[in-house]
Amino acid sequence: MFHDGRSKKVVFIAHCLLNQNSISDGTAVYPAAFRDVIDYFLNADIGIVQMPCPEFCCLGLDRGNIHGIDSPVVVENTRIRSAMKSGSPNEKLERMADYIVQQIIEYKKYGFEIAGMVGANRSPNCGVETTSDNNAEVNGMGLLIEKISHRLLQESIQIPMIGIKGTDNIQEKLQRFMVTER
């Protein structure tokens, strides 16, 4: 099954890396997307699976604060992180993690290689190495990535994960990631 032109390789990528228009006010680095990330995986014949944006889906485009641009990024991200931890947003976050892991399981079931997961460091939800909490960028995972990691562990599935942000040397970081994780 699936013996056609496809590479049978996919990578899961944080929504905002492919759509900067979805992120909170004052945090966009590019007009549209992280082209280096997209080009890197397309040039390697790896399909890109765009994960849903947790903040957009749970809190809306303005994240419940139309004056978000007036706050430092880590302060606004900390506010967003707190909002995502309770009630309806947290329930939606749980379902989102289940949805993403179900996709990973389905791809693996048919022999696809999961090249990895690329998150957005400093994000309150999609950070891999760093997230925002207590009005600072801190080591640790964002809420969604943490839930995904926990579910993958329960399923005995390991996939490489990396976080990037606009100040990184993205090409170099992706190359190191892909070589190290193979």
Protein backbone atom coordinates (compact mmCIF):
# COMPACT_ATOMS: atom_id res chain seq x y z
CA MET A 1 0.00 0.00 0.00
CA PHE A 2 1.16 3.54 -0.80
CA HIS A 3 3.74 2.49 -3.39
CA ASP A 4 3.55 5.59 -5.53
CA GLY A 5 5.53 8.82 -5.83
CA ARG A 6 5.30 9.84 -2.18
CA SER A 7 8.38 9.79 0.04
CA LYS A 8 6.53 8.29 3.03
CA LYS A 9 8.30 10.84 5.23
CA VAL A 10 6.54 13.57 7.20
CA VAL A 11 7.43 16.19 9.77
CA PHE A 12 4.96 17.82 12.17
CA ILE A 13 5.40 21.59 12.42
CA ALA A 14 3.94 24.24 14.71
CA HIS A 15 1.20 26.15 12.94
CA CYS A 16 2.85 29.56 13.30
CA LEU A 17 5.99 28.50 11.46
CA LEU A 18 3.85 28.10 8.34
CA ASN A 19 1.43 30.92 9.13
CA GLN A 20 2.77 33.95 10.99
CA ASN A 21 -0.66 35.58 10.64
CA SER A 22 -2.02 33.27 13.34
CA ILE A 23 0.20 34.40 16.23
CA SER A 24 -0.35 36.98 18.93
CA ASP A 25 0.04 40.67 18.18
CA GLY A 26 3.63 41.87 18.29
CA THR A 27 5.32 38.48 17.90
CA ALA A 28 5.49 37.89 14.13
CA VAL A 29 9.01 37.68 12.73
CA TYR A 30 8.10 37.21 9.06
CA PRO A 31 5.22 38.49 6.89
CA ALA A 32 3.95 35.00 6.09
CA ALA A 33 6.06 32.00 7.15
CA PHE A 34 9.49 30.68 8.09
CA ARG A 35 10.56 29.99 4.49
CA ASP A 36 13.83 28.37 5.59
CA VAL A 37 11.89 25.71 7.47
CA ILE A 38 9.48 25.00 4.62
CA ASP A 39 12.24 24.92 2.00
CA TYR A 40 14.43 22.68 4.16
CA PHE A 41 11.82 19.93 4.42
CA LEU A 42 10.47 20.24 0.88
CA ASN A 43 14.03 20.03 -0.51
CA ALA A 44 14.47 16.82 1.52
CA ASP A 45 11.20 15.40 0.11
CA ILE A 46 9.61 15.40 3.56
CA GLY A 47 5.90 16.22 3.70
CA ILE A 48 4.85 18.92 6.16
CA VAL A 49 1.98 18.34 8.56
CA GLN A 50 0.85 21.65 10.04
CA MET A 51 -0.33 21.19 13.61
CA PRO A 52 -3.29 23.35 14.69
CA CYS A 53 -2.50 26.57 16.56
CA PRO A 54 -3.63 26.00 20.15
CA GLU A 55 -3.89 29.68 21.06
CA PHE A 56 -5.84 30.59 17.92
CA CYS A 57 -8.23 27.64 18.34
CA CYS A 58 -8.79 28.19 22.07
CA LEU A 59 -8.44 31.93 22.63
CA GLY A 60 -8.94 33.51 19.22
CA LEU A 61 -6.70 35.72 17.14
CA ASP A 62 -6.44 38.49 19.76
CA ARG A 63 -5.88 35.90 22.52
CA GLY A 64 -8.34 37.79 24.70
CA ASN A 65 -6.14 40.89 24.84
CA ILE A 66 -6.50 43.43 22.04
CA HIS A 67 -3.59 45.35 23.60
CA GLY A 68 -1.19 42.39 23.56
CA ILE A 69 1.40 44.28 21.51
CA ASP A 70 1.80 46.71 24.42
CA SER A 71 3.16 43.93 26.67
CA PRO A 72 6.60 42.30 26.41
CA VAL A 73 6.32 38.98 24.56
CA VAL A 74 7.11 36.80 27.57
CA VAL A 75 4.58 38.67 29.72
CA GLU A 76 1.82 38.19 27.15
CA ASN A 77 2.90 34.56 26.61
CA THR A 78 2.71 33.95 30.36
CA ARG A 79 -0.82 35.38 30.40
CA ILE A 80 -1.73 33.11 27.47
CA ARG A 81 -0.17 30.09 29.19
CA SER A 82 -2.28 30.72 32.29
CA ALA A 83 -5.44 31.11 30.22
CA MET A 84 -4.74 27.81 28.43
CA LYS A 85 -4.39 25.82 31.66
CA SER A 86 -8.01 26.01 32.77
CA GLY A 87 -11.50 25.02 31.69
CA SER A 88 -12.47 24.90 28.06
CA PRO A 89 -9.06 25.87 26.61
CA ASN A 90 -7.35 23.04 28.52
CA GLU A 91 -10.00 20.55 27.36
CA LYS A 92 -9.49 21.67 23.75
CA LEU A 93 -5.72 21.35 24.25
CA GLU A 94 -6.19 17.74 25.42
CA ARG A 95 -8.24 16.93 22.30
CA MET A 96 -5.68 18.66 20.08
CA ALA A 97 -2.87 16.55 21.52
CA ASP A 98 -4.96 13.39 20.98
CA TYR A 99 -5.63 14.45 17.37
CA ILE A 100 -1.95 15.04 16.61
CA VAL A 101 -0.83 11.77 18.21
CA GLN A 102 -3.56 9.89 16.31
CA GLN A 103 -2.13 11.27 13.05
CA ILE A 104 1.36 10.12 14.06
CA ILE A 105 0.03 6.65 14.91
CA GLU A 106 -1.80 6.45 11.58
CA TYR A 107 1.30 7.39 9.58
CA LYS A 108 3.45 4.90 11.50
CA LYS A 109 0.83 2.17 10.99
CA TYR A 110 1.51 2.37 7.25
CA GLY A 111 5.29 2.53 7.47
CA PHE A 112 5.77 6.26 7.13
CA GLU A 113 8.84 7.81 8.73
CA ILE A 114 8.11 10.60 11.17
CA ALA A 115 11.13 12.82 10.57
CA GLY A 116 10.35 14.78 13.72
CA MET A 117 8.37 17.58 15.26
CA VAL A 118 9.36 21.23 14.99
CA GLY A 119 7.95 23.55 17.62
CA ALA A 120 8.26 27.26 18.28
CA ASN A 121 10.55 27.97 21.23
CA ARG A 122 9.31 30.53 23.76
CA SER A 123 5.72 29.68 22.83
CA PRO A 124 3.46 28.95 25.81
CA ASN A 125 2.13 25.91 23.93
CA CYS A 126 4.50 24.89 21.15
CA GLY A 127 7.88 25.47 22.77
CA VAL A 128 10.16 22.43 22.79
CA GLU A 129 13.33 23.52 24.59
CA THR A 130 11.94 26.77 26.00
CA THR A 131 8.54 28.20 26.85
CA SER A 132 7.21 31.32 28.53
CA ASP A 133 6.22 31.27 32.20
CA ASN A 134 6.53 33.66 35.14
CA ASN A 135 7.07 36.52 32.66
CA ALA A 136 10.30 34.99 31.36
CA GLU A 137 11.56 32.58 28.72
CA VAL A 138 12.33 29.42 30.69
CA ASN A 139 13.64 25.96 29.91
CA GLY A 140 10.89 23.43 29.32
CA MET A 141 8.09 22.51 26.97
CA GLY A 142 4.97 24.42 26.11
CA LEU A 143 1.64 22.99 27.24
CA LEU A 144 0.67 21.30 23.94
CA ILE A 145 4.11 19.83 23.25
CA GLU A 146 4.19 18.50 26.82
CA LYS A 147 0.81 16.79 26.33
CA ILE A 148 1.92 15.34 22.98
CA SER A 149 5.17 14.07 24.51
CA HIS A 150 3.28 12.40 27.34
CA ARG A 151 0.87 10.67 24.95
CA LEU A 152 3.71 9.52 22.69
CA LEU A 153 5.44 8.05 25.73
CA GLN A 154 2.23 6.20 26.64
CA GLU A 155 2.18 4.77 23.09
CA SER A 156 5.90 3.89 23.25
CA ILE A 157 6.57 6.17 20.29
CA GLN A 158 9.72 8.25 20.09
CA ILE A 159 10.16 11.01 17.57
CA PRO A 160 12.82 13.69 17.52
CA MET A 161 11.68 17.18 18.54
CA ILE A 162 13.28 20.56 18.10
CA GLY A 163 12.19 24.09 18.82
CA ILE A 164 13.16 27.13 16.79
CA LYS A 165 12.49 30.84 16.95
CA GLY A 166 13.23 33.79 14.70
CA THR A 167 16.59 34.61 16.23
CA ASP A 168 18.02 31.14 15.52
CA ASN A 169 20.27 30.18 12.62
CA ILE A 170 17.44 27.99 11.38
CA GLN A 171 19.19 26.14 8.53
CA GLU A 172 22.11 25.20 10.77
CA LYS A 173 19.85 24.11 13.62
CA LEU A 174 17.67 21.97 11.32
CA GLN A 175 20.71 20.32 9.72
CA ARG A 176 22.19 19.45 13.14
CA PHE A 177 18.80 18.16 14.27
CA MET A 178 18.24 15.92 11.27
CA VAL A 179 21.79 14.49 11.36
CA THR A 180 21.83 13.99 15.15
CA GLU A 181 18.43 12.32 15.29
CA ARG A 182 19.05 9.70 12.60
